[in-house]
């Protein structure tokens, strides 16, 4: 069992939401714990998928109100940390999967890379140097939830 952080925007398009939900189902089927921000958008979609498959979802909430969590979160942790909870999410995860992207997602990707937590990206941010070269230790880019799950299987010890 691994703790897999799933990050992404609260405003996402339907494809991103579908990818997140499928990812959640796949993570739960593998016995992994989903760690997310506990609110809407990608966070709710991944939580819904994991819950449908009987998985555990930890929601690290930005405020102090447990009732602000989406209804699919199994364990709600009101952090009162606002966006600083991003660091807590990354440090709680063995791998981070980003779906889509926003500024908050970028901060989580950067924190994961800086602390040595592998990142898999489904769409969203592609990190390059000033001269356009892909950053070697940046997110491993895939095109679907299924591809992310396959890569995750390779990254995690059995």
Protein backbone atom coordinates (compact mmCIF):
# COMPACT_ATOMS: atom_id res chain seq x y z
CA UNK A 1 0.00 0.00 0.00
CA UNK A 2 1.25 3.44 -0.93
CA UNK A 3 0.01 6.96 -0.25
CA UNK A 4 -0.61 8.65 -3.58
CA UNK A 5 -1.13 12.40 -3.63
CA UNK A 6 -3.46 13.54 -6.40
CA UNK A 7 -3.39 17.23 -7.25
CA UNK A 8 -5.15 19.40 -9.78
CA UNK A 9 -7.40 22.40 -10.19
CA UNK A 10 -10.76 22.97 -8.56
CA UNK A 11 -11.95 24.16 -12.00
CA UNK A 12 -11.29 21.35 -14.47
CA UNK A 13 -12.70 20.28 -17.82
CA UNK A 14 -14.70 17.07 -18.26
CA UNK A 15 -11.78 15.04 -19.62
CA UNK A 16 -9.64 15.96 -16.60
CA UNK A 17 -12.49 15.07 -14.24
CA UNK A 18 -13.00 11.73 -16.00
CA UNK A 19 -9.25 11.00 -15.81
CA UNK A 20 -9.22 11.84 -12.09
CA UNK A 21 -12.20 9.62 -11.35
CA UNK A 22 -10.69 6.72 -13.30
CA UNK A 23 -7.39 7.28 -11.50
CA UNK A 24 -9.15 7.14 -8.13
CA UNK A 25 -10.80 3.83 -9.01
CA UNK A 26 -7.48 2.38 -10.15
CA UNK A 27 -5.62 3.55 -7.05
CA UNK A 28 -8.25 2.07 -4.73
CA UNK A 29 -8.27 -1.21 -6.68
CA UNK A 30 -4.52 -1.44 -6.05
CA UNK A 31 -5.01 -0.82 -2.33
CA UNK A 32 -3.40 2.63 -2.32
CA UNK A 33 -4.54 5.50 -0.11
CA UNK A 34 -5.50 8.66 -2.00
CA UNK A 35 -4.31 11.92 -0.45
CA UNK A 36 -5.89 15.08 -1.85
CA UNK A 37 -7.01 18.57 -0.94
CA UNK A 38 -10.49 17.33 -0.05
CA UNK A 39 -12.52 19.95 -1.91
CA UNK A 40 -13.99 20.14 -5.45
CA UNK A 41 -12.83 19.68 -9.02
CA UNK A 42 -10.02 17.15 -9.45
CA UNK A 43 -10.01 16.51 -5.70
CA UNK A 44 -13.67 15.49 -5.69
CA UNK A 45 -13.40 13.45 -8.88
CA UNK A 46 -10.46 11.35 -7.63
CA UNK A 47 -12.18 10.92 -4.26
CA UNK A 48 -15.40 9.80 -5.98
CA UNK A 49 -13.55 7.21 -8.04
CA UNK A 50 -11.66 5.86 -5.05
CA UNK A 51 -14.82 5.73 -2.92
CA UNK A 52 -16.68 3.85 -5.68
CA UNK A 53 -13.94 1.20 -5.52
CA UNK A 54 -14.00 1.02 -1.72
CA UNK A 55 -10.77 2.97 -1.21
CA UNK A 56 -9.52 5.30 1.49
CA UNK A 57 -9.34 9.03 0.72
CA UNK A 58 -7.55 11.47 3.02
CA UNK A 59 -8.62 15.08 2.48
CA UNK A 60 -6.23 17.76 3.74
CA UNK A 61 -8.57 20.74 4.01
CA UNK A 62 -7.27 24.31 3.78
CA UNK A 63 -9.52 25.61 6.57
CA UNK A 64 -10.93 24.46 9.89
CA UNK A 65 -14.38 23.25 8.84
CA UNK A 66 -14.61 19.47 8.39
CA UNK A 67 -17.97 19.88 6.65
CA UNK A 68 -16.30 21.67 3.72
CA UNK A 69 -14.88 18.35 2.47
CA UNK A 70 -16.45 16.71 -0.53
CA UNK A 71 -18.75 13.79 0.38
CA UNK A 72 -16.34 11.12 -0.88
CA UNK A 73 -13.50 11.86 1.57
CA UNK A 74 -12.99 9.09 4.13
CA UNK A 75 -10.70 10.97 6.52
CA UNK A 76 -10.97 14.75 6.78
CA UNK A 77 -8.08 16.70 8.26
CA UNK A 78 -8.81 20.41 8.68
CA UNK A 79 -5.32 21.93 8.58
CA UNK A 80 -6.07 25.67 8.88
CA UNK A 81 -2.98 26.06 6.67
CA UNK A 82 -4.57 27.40 3.48
CA UNK A 83 -2.30 26.77 0.50
CA UNK A 84 0.55 25.80 2.83
CA UNK A 85 -1.23 22.45 3.08
CA UNK A 86 0.33 21.72 -0.32
CA UNK A 87 3.61 20.93 1.44
CA UNK A 88 1.81 18.61 3.86
CA UNK A 89 0.16 16.79 0.96
CA UNK A 90 3.48 16.30 -0.84
CA UNK A 91 5.29 15.15 2.31
CA UNK A 92 2.47 12.67 3.01
CA UNK A 93 2.76 11.08 -0.45
CA UNK A 94 5.01 8.39 -1.88
CA UNK A 95 4.13 9.58 -5.40
CA UNK A 96 2.20 12.61 -6.65
CA UNK A 97 -0.07 12.46 -9.70
CA UNK A 98 -1.15 15.78 -11.20
CA UNK A 99 -4.24 15.97 -13.38
CA UNK A 100 -4.52 19.19 -15.36
CA UNK A 101 -2.96 22.24 -13.85
CA UNK A 102 -3.36 25.50 -11.98
CA UNK A 103 -0.97 27.66 -9.97
CA UNK A 104 -1.60 25.58 -6.85
CA UNK A 105 -0.90 22.42 -8.83
CA UNK A 106 2.38 23.90 -10.04
CA UNK A 107 3.43 24.62 -6.44
CA UNK A 108 2.70 21.01 -5.47
CA UNK A 109 4.68 19.70 -8.44
CA UNK A 110 7.63 21.94 -7.54
CA UNK A 111 7.55 20.88 -3.88
CA UNK A 112 7.45 17.21 -4.88
CA UNK A 113 10.39 17.55 -7.26
CA UNK A 114 12.38 19.53 -4.69
CA UNK A 115 11.82 16.86 -2.02
CA UNK A 116 12.42 13.85 -4.28
CA UNK A 117 8.82 12.67 -4.53
CA UNK A 118 8.17 11.29 -8.05
CA UNK A 119 5.55 13.15 -10.09
CA UNK A 120 3.36 11.75 -12.85
CA UNK A 121 1.48 14.33 -14.91
CA UNK A 122 -1.71 13.68 -16.88
CA UNK A 123 -1.85 16.80 -19.04
CA UNK A 124 -1.22 20.10 -17.33
CA UNK A 125 2.22 21.49 -16.62
CA UNK A 126 5.26 20.70 -18.77
CA UNK A 127 8.41 22.10 -17.17
CA UNK A 128 11.24 23.33 -19.38
CA UNK A 129 14.42 25.34 -18.96
CA UNK A 130 14.72 28.87 -20.34
CA UNK A 131 16.12 27.48 -23.60
CA UNK A 132 13.21 25.04 -24.02
CA UNK A 133 14.78 21.79 -22.81
CA UNK A 134 12.56 19.48 -20.75
CA UNK A 135 13.61 19.34 -17.11
CA UNK A 136 14.98 15.83 -16.50
CA UNK A 137 13.53 15.38 -13.02
CA UNK A 138 10.22 17.05 -13.89
CA UNK A 139 6.86 15.32 -14.08
CA UNK A 140 6.74 12.11 -16.09
CA UNK A 141 4.09 13.00 -18.65
CA UNK A 142 1.37 10.52 -19.64
CA UNK A 143 -1.82 10.89 -21.64
CA UNK A 144 -4.37 8.99 -19.53
CA UNK A 145 -5.25 7.63 -16.11
CA UNK A 146 -4.48 4.10 -17.31
CA UNK A 147 -0.99 5.16 -18.41
CA UNK A 148 -0.46 6.91 -15.07
CA UNK A 149 -1.45 3.75 -13.20
CA UNK A 150 0.95 1.63 -15.28
CA UNK A 151 3.80 4.05 -14.57
CA UNK A 152 2.84 4.14 -10.89
CA UNK A 153 3.05 0.34 -10.78
CA UNK A 154 6.62 0.60 -12.10
CA UNK A 155 7.62 3.32 -9.62
CA UNK A 156 6.30 1.73 -6.44
CA UNK A 157 7.93 -1.28 -4.78
CA UNK A 158 5.78 -4.39 -4.69
